[in-house]
């Protein structure tokens, strides 16, 4: 299942150590260039994809796909500025 809407207002895309999602956030940071599916991220936390997406959005403030896209854009900006 893929999310197409970025959802929510623009937020600071810096990784947050959101207690429950620390493993998923660390996995995202380590694999930004890879294909990050909702199923893979949910497995990091031992949750179903549906439950992961719902609770991730509440905890982090953005849906998983929106967060990943935001981190990729931020990383690209950092690389371009160098």
PDB file of N, CA and C in Angstrom:
ATOM      1  N   UNK A   1       0.853  -1.172   0.000  1.00  0.00           N
ATOM      2  CA  UNK A   1       0.000   0.000   0.000  1.00  0.00           C
ATOM      3  C   UNK A   1       0.890   1.223   0.000  1.00  0.00           C
ATOM      4  N   UNK A   2       0.617   2.130  -0.883  1.00  0.00           N
ATOM      5  CA  UNK A   2       1.411   3.349  -0.980  1.00  0.00           C
ATOM      6  C   UNK A   2       0.512   4.548  -0.752  1.00  0.00           C
ATOM      7  N   UNK A   3       1.053   5.570  -0.131  1.00  0.00           N
ATOM      8  CA  UNK A   3       0.307   6.780   0.133  1.00  0.00           C
ATOM      9  C   UNK A   3       0.750   7.843  -0.854  1.00  0.00           C
ATOM     10  N   UNK A   4      -0.219   8.456  -1.528  1.00  0.00           N
ATOM     11  CA  UNK A   4       0.134   9.445  -2.523  1.00  0.00           C
ATOM     12  C   UNK A   4       0.046  10.863  -1.978  1.00  0.00           C
ATOM     13  N   UNK A   5      -0.749  11.086  -0.971  1.00  0.00           N
ATOM     14  CA  UNK A   5      -0.894  12.428  -0.418  1.00  0.00           C
ATOM     15  C   UNK A   5       0.199  12.676   0.612  1.00  0.00           C
ATOM     16  N   UNK A   6       0.812  13.835   0.518  1.00  0.00           N
ATOM     17  CA  UNK A   6       1.834  14.174   1.500  1.00  0.00           C
ATOM     18  C   UNK A   6       1.193  14.497   2.837  1.00  0.00           C
ATOM     19  N   UNK A   7       0.049  15.098   2.807  1.00  0.00           N
ATOM     20  CA  UNK A   7      -0.728  15.337   4.016  1.00  0.00           C
ATOM     21  C   UNK A   7      -0.056  16.247   5.027  1.00  0.00           C
ATOM     22  N   UNK A   8      -0.866  16.969   5.733  1.00  0.00           N
ATOM     23  CA  UNK A   8      -0.383  17.803   6.816  1.00  0.00           C
ATOM     24  C   UNK A   8       0.406  19.010   6.351  1.00  0.00           C
ATOM     25  N   UNK A   9       0.573  19.962   7.242  1.00  0.00           N
ATOM     26  CA  UNK A   9       1.342  21.158   6.904  1.00  0.00           C
ATOM     27  C   UNK A   9       2.823  20.829   6.823  1.00  0.00           C
ATOM     28  N   UNK A  10       3.591  21.656   6.123  1.00  0.00           N
ATOM     29  CA  UNK A  10       5.034  21.421   6.085  1.00  0.00           C
ATOM     30  C   UNK A  10       5.575  21.387   7.508  1.00  0.00           C
ATOM     31  N   UNK A  11       6.416  20.430   7.754  1.00  0.00           N
ATOM     32  CA  UNK A  11       6.981  20.276   9.092  1.00  0.00           C
ATOM     33  C   UNK A  11       8.485  20.178   8.991  1.00  0.00           C
ATOM     34  N   UNK A  12       9.149  20.392  10.096  1.00  0.00           N
ATOM     35  CA  UNK A  12      10.589  20.200  10.140  1.00  0.00           C
ATOM     36  C   UNK A  12      10.851  18.727   9.855  1.00  0.00           C
ATOM     37  N   UNK A  13      11.638  18.448   8.828  1.00  0.00           N
ATOM     38  CA  UNK A  13      11.853  17.068   8.412  1.00  0.00           C
ATOM     39  C   UNK A  13      13.023  16.406   9.107  1.00  0.00           C
ATOM     40  N   UNK A  14      13.595  17.050  10.097  1.00  0.00           N
ATOM     41  CA  UNK A  14      14.701  16.427  10.812  1.00  0.00           C
ATOM     42  C   UNK A  14      14.195  15.192  11.547  1.00  0.00           C
ATOM     43  N   UNK A  15      15.000  14.164  11.601  1.00  0.00           N
ATOM     44  CA  UNK A  15      14.570  12.954  12.310  1.00  0.00           C
ATOM     45  C   UNK A  15      14.243  13.260  13.758  1.00  0.00           C
ATOM     46  N   UNK A  16      13.172  12.689  14.225  1.00  0.00           N
ATOM     47  CA  UNK A  16      12.771  12.871  15.614  1.00  0.00           C
ATOM     48  C   UNK A  16      12.861  11.534  16.331  1.00  0.00           C
ATOM     49  N   UNK A  17      13.406  11.515  17.503  1.00  0.00           N
ATOM     50  CA  UNK A  17      13.438  10.252  18.240  1.00  0.00           C
ATOM     51  C   UNK A  17      12.095   9.981  18.917  1.00  0.00           C
ATOM     52  N   UNK A  18      11.038   9.827  18.093  1.00  0.00           N
ATOM     53  CA  UNK A  18       9.704   9.550  18.620  1.00  0.00           C
ATOM     54  C   UNK A  18       9.733   8.143  19.204  1.00  0.00           C
ATOM     55  N   UNK A  19       9.928   8.055  20.493  1.00  0.00           N
ATOM     56  CA  UNK A  19      10.110   6.810  21.210  1.00  0.00           C
ATOM     57  C   UNK A  19       9.645   5.552  20.502  1.00  0.00           C
ATOM     58  N   UNK A  20       8.379   5.458  20.216  1.00  0.00           N
ATOM     59  CA  UNK A  20       7.800   4.251  19.626  1.00  0.00           C
ATOM     60  C   UNK A  20       8.347   3.989  18.229  1.00  0.00           C
ATOM     61  N   UNK A  21       8.733   5.006  17.497  1.00  0.00           N
ATOM     62  CA  UNK A  21       9.128   4.842  16.101  1.00  0.00           C
ATOM     63  C   UNK A  21      10.614   5.075  15.860  1.00  0.00           C
ATOM     64  N   UNK A  22      11.399   5.012  16.900  1.00  0.00           N
ATOM     65  CA  UNK A  22      12.834   5.243  16.760  1.00  0.00           C
ATOM     66  C   UNK A  22      13.469   4.309  15.723  1.00  0.00           C
ATOM     67  N   UNK A  23      13.133   3.011  15.770  1.00  0.00           N
ATOM     68  CA  UNK A  23      13.722   2.048  14.819  1.00  0.00           C
ATOM     69  C   UNK A  23      13.340   2.388  13.385  1.00  0.00           C
ATOM     70  N   UNK A  24      12.079   2.731  13.155  1.00  0.00           N
ATOM     71  CA  UNK A  24      11.632   3.062  11.800  1.00  0.00           C
ATOM     72  C   UNK A  24      12.321   4.339  11.303  1.00  0.00           C
ATOM     73  N   UNK A  25      12.432   5.345  12.167  1.00  0.00           N
ATOM     74  CA  UNK A  25      13.085   6.596  11.766  1.00  0.00           C
ATOM     75  C   UNK A  25      14.563   6.375  11.466  1.00  0.00           C
ATOM     76  N   UNK A  26      15.221   5.558  12.265  1.00  0.00           N
ATOM     77  CA  UNK A  26      16.624   5.250  11.999  1.00  0.00           C
ATOM     78  C   UNK A  26      16.766   4.467  10.702  1.00  0.00           C
ATOM     79  N   UNK A  27      15.830   3.547  10.449  1.00  0.00           N
ATOM     80  CA  UNK A  27      15.856   2.771   9.212  1.00  0.00           C
ATOM     81  C   UNK A  27      15.661   3.689   8.006  1.00  0.00           C
ATOM     82  N   UNK A  28      14.747   4.627   8.111  1.00  0.00           N
ATOM     83  CA  UNK A  28      14.506   5.577   7.018  1.00  0.00           C
ATOM     84  C   UNK A  28      15.786   6.347   6.722  1.00  0.00           C
ATOM     85  N   UNK A  29      16.422   6.873   7.761  1.00  0.00           N
ATOM     86  CA  UNK A  29      17.654   7.652   7.564  1.00  0.00           C
ATOM     87  C   UNK A  29      18.749   6.827   6.904  1.00  0.00           C
ATOM     88  N   UNK A  30      18.860   5.582   7.269  1.00  0.00           N
ATOM     89  CA  UNK A  30      19.918   4.715   6.740  1.00  0.00           C
ATOM     90  C   UNK A  30      19.623   4.216   5.330  1.00  0.00           C
ATOM     91  N   UNK A  31      18.363   4.295   4.901  1.00  0.00           N
ATOM     92  CA  UNK A  31      17.965   3.727   3.608  1.00  0.00           C
ATOM     93  C   UNK A  31      17.199   4.715   2.730  1.00  0.00           C
ATOM     94  N   UNK A  32      17.518   6.006   2.812  1.00  0.00           N
ATOM     95  CA  UNK A  32      16.784   7.004   2.034  1.00  0.00           C
ATOM     96  C   UNK A  32      16.843   6.745   0.533  1.00  0.00           C
ATOM     97  N   UNK A  33      17.920   6.188   0.050  1.00  0.00           N
ATOM     98  CA  UNK A  33      18.068   5.946  -1.384  1.00  0.00           C
ATOM     99  C   UNK A  33      17.369   4.668  -1.839  1.00  0.00           C
ATOM    100  N   UNK A  34      16.904   3.871  -0.896  1.00  0.00           N
ATOM    101  CA  UNK A  34      16.268   2.600  -1.224  1.00  0.00           C
ATOM    102  C   UNK A  34      14.760   2.760  -1.383  1.00  0.00           C
ATOM    103  N   UNK A  35      14.139   1.699  -1.875  1.00  0.00           N
ATOM    104  CA  UNK A  35      12.684   1.658  -1.974  1.00  0.00           C
ATOM    105  C   UNK A  35      12.136   1.351  -0.583  1.00  0.00           C
ATOM    106  N   UNK A  36      11.473   2.310   0.027  1.00  0.00           N
ATOM    107  CA  UNK A  36      10.952   2.146   1.385  1.00  0.00           C
ATOM    108  C   UNK A  36       9.444   1.938   1.323  1.00  0.00           C
ATOM    109  N   UNK A  37       9.025   0.714   1.480  1.00  0.00           N
ATOM    110  CA  UNK A  37       7.592   0.426   1.446  1.00  0.00           C
ATOM    111  C   UNK A  37       7.008   0.556   2.850  1.00  0.00           C
ATOM    112  N   UNK A  38       5.722   0.766   2.889  1.00  0.00           N
ATOM    113  CA  UNK A  38       5.023   0.834   4.161  1.00  0.00           C
ATOM    114  C   UNK A  38       5.172  -0.482   4.918  1.00  0.00           C
ATOM    115  N   UNK A  39       5.148  -1.579   4.205  1.00  0.00           N
ATOM    116  CA  UNK A  39       5.285  -2.888   4.829  1.00  0.00           C
ATOM    117  C   UNK A  39       6.643  -3.039   5.512  1.00  0.00           C
ATOM    118  N   UNK A  40       7.700  -2.564   4.857  1.00  0.00           N
ATOM    119  CA  UNK A  40       9.044  -2.643   5.421  1.00  0.00           C
ATOM    120  C   UNK A  40       9.153  -1.808   6.690  1.00  0.00           C
ATOM    121  N   UNK A  41       8.632  -0.599   6.640  1.00  0.00           N
ATOM    122  CA  UNK A  41       8.703   0.280   7.808  1.00  0.00           C
ATOM    123  C   UNK A  41       7.873  -0.273   8.960  1.00  0.00           C
ATOM    124  N   UNK A  42       6.698  -0.811   8.646  1.00  0.00           N
ATOM    125  CA  UNK A  42       5.849  -1.400   9.682  1.00  0.00           C
ATOM    126  C   UNK A  42       6.541  -2.592  10.334  1.00  0.00           C
ATOM    127  N   UNK A  43       7.246  -3.380   9.532  1.00  0.00           N
ATOM    128  CA  UNK A  43       7.960  -4.545  10.063  1.00  0.00           C
ATOM    129  C   UNK A  43       9.052  -4.121  11.045  1.00  0.00           C
ATOM    130  N   UNK A  44       9.666  -2.961  10.829  1.00  0.00           N
ATOM    131  CA  UNK A  44      10.683  -2.457  11.765  1.00  0.00           C
ATOM    132  C   UNK A  44      10.113  -2.312  13.169  1.00  0.00           C
ATOM    133  N   UNK A  45       8.852  -1.974  13.241  1.00  0.00           N
ATOM    134  CA  UNK A  45       8.208  -1.746  14.528  1.00  0.00           C
ATOM    135  C   UNK A  45       7.330  -2.907  14.975  1.00  0.00           C
ATOM    136  N   UNK A  46       7.214  -3.930  14.137  1.00  0.00           N
ATOM    137  CA  UNK A  46       6.393  -5.079  14.498  1.00  0.00           C
ATOM    138  C   UNK A  46       4.902  -4.793  14.478  1.00  0.00           C
ATOM    139  N   UNK A  47       4.474  -3.924  13.568  1.00  0.00           N
ATOM    140  CA  UNK A  47       3.070  -3.547  13.460  1.00  0.00           C
ATOM    141  C   UNK A  47       2.532  -3.885  12.084  1.00  0.00           C
ATOM    142  N   UNK A  48       1.213  -3.939  11.973  1.00  0.00           N
ATOM    143  CA  UNK A  48       0.608  -4.083  10.654  1.00  0.00           C
ATOM    144  C   UNK A  48       0.795  -2.764   9.911  1.00  0.00           C
ATOM    145  N   UNK A  49       0.832  -2.801   8.583  1.00  0.00           N
ATOM    146  CA  UNK A  49       0.994  -1.557   7.828  1.00  0.00           C
ATOM    147  C   UNK A  49      -0.079  -0.519   8.160  1.00  0.00           C
ATOM    148  N   UNK A  50      -1.325  -0.959   8.299  1.00  0.00           N
ATOM    149  CA  UNK A  50      -2.407  -0.023   8.613  1.00  0.00           C
ATOM    150  C   UNK A  50      -2.181   0.641   9.970  1.00  0.00           C
ATOM    151  N   UNK A  51      -1.911  -0.159  10.974  1.00  0.00           N
ATOM    152  CA  UNK A  51      -1.714   0.392  12.321  1.00  0.00           C
ATOM    153  C   UNK A  51      -0.466   1.264  12.369  1.00  0.00           C
ATOM    154  N   UNK A  52       0.596   0.850  11.699  1.00  0.00           N
ATOM    155  CA  UNK A  52       1.820   1.652  11.655  1.00  0.00           C
ATOM    156  C   UNK A  52       1.543   3.019  11.042  1.00  0.00           C
ATOM    157  N   UNK A  53       0.878   3.043   9.888  1.00  0.00           N
ATOM    158  CA  UNK A  53       0.610   4.314   9.203  1.00  0.00           C
ATOM    159  C   UNK A  53      -0.222   5.249  10.076  1.00  0.00           C
ATOM    160  N   UNK A  54      -1.223   4.699  10.719  1.00  0.00           N
ATOM    161  CA  UNK A  54      -2.120   5.505  11.548  1.00  0.00           C
ATOM    162  C   UNK A  54      -1.387   6.067  12.763  1.00  0.00           C
ATOM    163  N   UNK A  55      -0.642   5.248  13.460  1.00  0.00           N
ATOM    164  CA  UNK A  55       0.031   5.706  14.668  1.00  0.00           C
ATOM    165  C   UNK A  55       1.285   6.532  14.359  1.00  0.00           C
ATOM    166  N   UNK A  56       1.953   6.243  13.247  1.00  0.00           N
ATOM    167  CA  UNK A  56       3.111   7.048  12.836  1.00  0.00           C
ATOM    168  C   UNK A  56       2.669   8.482  12.591  1.00  0.00           C
ATOM    169  N   UNK A  57       1.564   8.642  11.890  1.00  0.00           N
ATOM    170  CA  UNK A  57       1.067   9.992  11.591  1.00  0.00           C
ATOM    171  C   UNK A  57       0.753  10.755  12.879  1.00  0.00           C
ATOM    172  N   UNK A  58       0.155  10.079  13.829  1.00  0.00           N
ATOM    173  CA  UNK A  58      -0.151  10.738  15.108  1.00  0.00           C
ATOM    174  C   UNK A  58       1.118  11.131  15.858  1.00  0.00           C
ATOM    175  N   UNK A  59       2.096  10.249  15.877  1.00  0.00           N
ATOM    176  CA  UNK A  59       3.312  10.484  16.658  1.00  0.00           C
ATOM    177  C   UNK A  59       4.261  11.471  16.003  1.00  0.00           C
ATOM    178  N   UNK A  60       4.402  11.393  14.682  1.00  0.00           N
ATOM    179  CA  UNK A  60       5.402  12.192  13.974  1.00  0.00           C
ATOM    180  C   UNK A  60       4.802  13.449  13.357  1.00  0.00           C
ATOM    181  N   UNK A  61       3.500  13.429  13.084  1.00  0.00           N
ATOM    182  CA  UNK A  61       2.850  14.610  12.527  1.00  0.00           C
ATOM    183  C   UNK A  61       2.685  14.575  11.018  1.00  0.00           C
ATOM    184  N   UNK A  62       3.172  13.526  10.383  1.00  0.00           N
ATOM    185  CA  UNK A  62       3.054  13.358   8.933  1.00  0.00           C
ATOM    186  C   UNK A  62       2.856  11.882   8.648  1.00  0.00           C
ATOM    187  N   UNK A  63       2.200  11.564   7.531  1.00  0.00           N
ATOM    188  CA  UNK A  63       2.100  10.151   7.161  1.00  0.00           C
ATOM    189  C   UNK A  63       3.483   9.630   6.771  1.00  0.00           C
ATOM    190  N   UNK A  64       3.693   8.325   6.842  1.00  0.00           N
ATOM    191  CA  UNK A  64       5.023   7.779   6.532  1.00  0.00           C
ATOM    192  C   UNK A  64       5.563   8.219   5.171  1.00  0.00           C
ATOM    193  N   UNK A  65       4.742   8.151   4.141  1.00  0.00           N
ATOM    194  CA  UNK A  65       5.216   8.533   2.806  1.00  0.00           C
ATOM    195  C   UNK A  65       5.631  10.000   2.771  1.00  0.00           C
ATOM    196  N   UNK A  66       4.836  10.860   3.373  1.00  0.00           N
ATOM    197  CA  UNK A  66       5.172  12.282   3.422  1.00  0.00           C
ATOM    198  C   UNK A  66       6.467  12.546   4.159  1.00  0.00           C
ATOM    199  N   UNK A  67       6.680  11.812   5.234  1.00  0.00           N
ATOM    200  CA  UNK A  67       7.911  11.966   5.999  1.00  0.00           C
ATOM    201  C   UNK A  67       9.119  11.537   5.170  1.00  0.00           C
ATOM    202  N   UNK A  68       9.005  10.387   4.488  1.00  0.00           N
ATOM    203  CA  UNK A  68      10.111   9.885   3.671  1.00  0.00           C
ATOM    204  C   UNK A  68      10.426  10.870   2.539  1.00  0.00           C
ATOM    205  N   UNK A  69       9.407  11.362   1.856  1.00  0.00           N
ATOM    206  CA  UNK A  69       9.622  12.325   0.771  1.00  0.00           C
ATOM    207  C   UNK A  69      10.294  13.584   1.312  1.00  0.00           C
ATOM    208  N   UNK A  70       9.824  14.069   2.448  1.00  0.00           N
ATOM    209  CA  UNK A  70      10.424  15.258   3.047  1.00  0.00           C
ATOM    210  C   UNK A  70      11.886  15.053   3.397  1.00  0.00           C
ATOM    211  N   UNK A  71      12.225  13.886   3.943  1.00  0.00           N
ATOM    212  CA  UNK A  71      13.625  13.601   4.267  1.00  0.00           C
ATOM    213  C   UNK A  71      14.477  13.500   3.012  1.00  0.00           C
ATOM    214  N   UNK A  72      13.934  12.923   1.956  1.00  0.00           N
ATOM    215  CA  UNK A  72      14.688  12.819   0.701  1.00  0.00           C
ATOM    216  C   UNK A  72      14.934  14.197   0.098  1.00  0.00           C
ATOM    217  N   UNK A  73      13.950  15.054   0.149  1.00  0.00           N
ATOM    218  CA  UNK A  73      14.116  16.421  -0.363  1.00  0.00           C
ATOM    219  C   UNK A  73      15.168  17.151   0.456  1.00  0.00           C
ATOM    220  N   UNK A  74      15.090  17.017   1.783  1.00  0.00           N
ATOM    221  CA  UNK A  74      16.067  17.682   2.643  1.00  0.00           C
ATOM    222  C   UNK A  74      17.476  17.173   2.368  1.00  0.00           C
ATOM    223  N   UNK A  75      17.637  15.863   2.196  1.00  0.00           N
ATOM    224  CA  UNK A  75      18.943  15.290   1.894  1.00  0.00           C
ATOM    225  C   UNK A  75      19.460  15.826   0.558  1.00  0.00           C
ATOM    226  N   UNK A  76      18.592  15.907  -0.442  1.00  0.00           N
ATOM    227  CA  UNK A  76      18.986  16.435  -1.755  1.00  0.00           C
ATOM    228  C   UNK A  76      19.434  17.895  -1.624  1.00  0.00           C
ATOM    229  N   UNK A  77      18.722  18.677  -0.829  1.00  0.00           N
ATOM    230  CA  UNK A  77      19.113  20.070  -0.617  1.00  0.00           C
ATOM    231  C   UNK A  77      20.495  20.157   0.035  1.00  0.00           C
ATOM    232  N   UNK A  78      20.741  19.293   1.000  1.00  0.00           N
ATOM    233  CA  UNK A  78      22.039  19.299   1.672  1.00  0.00           C
ATOM    234  C   UNK A  78      23.148  18.931   0.692  1.00  0.00           C
ATOM    235  N   UNK A  79      22.905  17.929  -0.153  1.00  0.00           N
ATOM    236  CA  UNK A  79      23.916  17.524  -1.113  1.00  0.00           C
ATOM    237  C   UNK A  79      24.172  18.620  -2.152  1.00  0.00           C
ATOM    238  N   UNK A  80      23.116  19.280  -2.594  1.00  0.00           N
ATOM    239  CA  UNK A  80      23.275  20.359  -3.579  1.00  0.00           C
ATOM    240  C   UNK A  80      24.015  21.560  -2.990  1.00  0.00           C
ATOM    241  N   UNK A  81      23.806  21.832  -1.717  1.00  0.00           N
ATOM    242  CA  UNK A  81      24.457  22.984  -1.107  1.00  0.00           C
ATOM    243  C   UNK A  81      25.958  22.770  -0.908  1.00  0.00           C
ATOM    244  N   UNK A  82      26.395  21.512  -0.940  1.00  0.00           N
ATOM    245  CA  UNK A  82      27.815  21.224  -0.818  1.00  0.00           C
ATOM    246  C   UNK A  82      28.439  21.445  -2.147  1.00  0.00           C
TER     247      UNK A  82
END
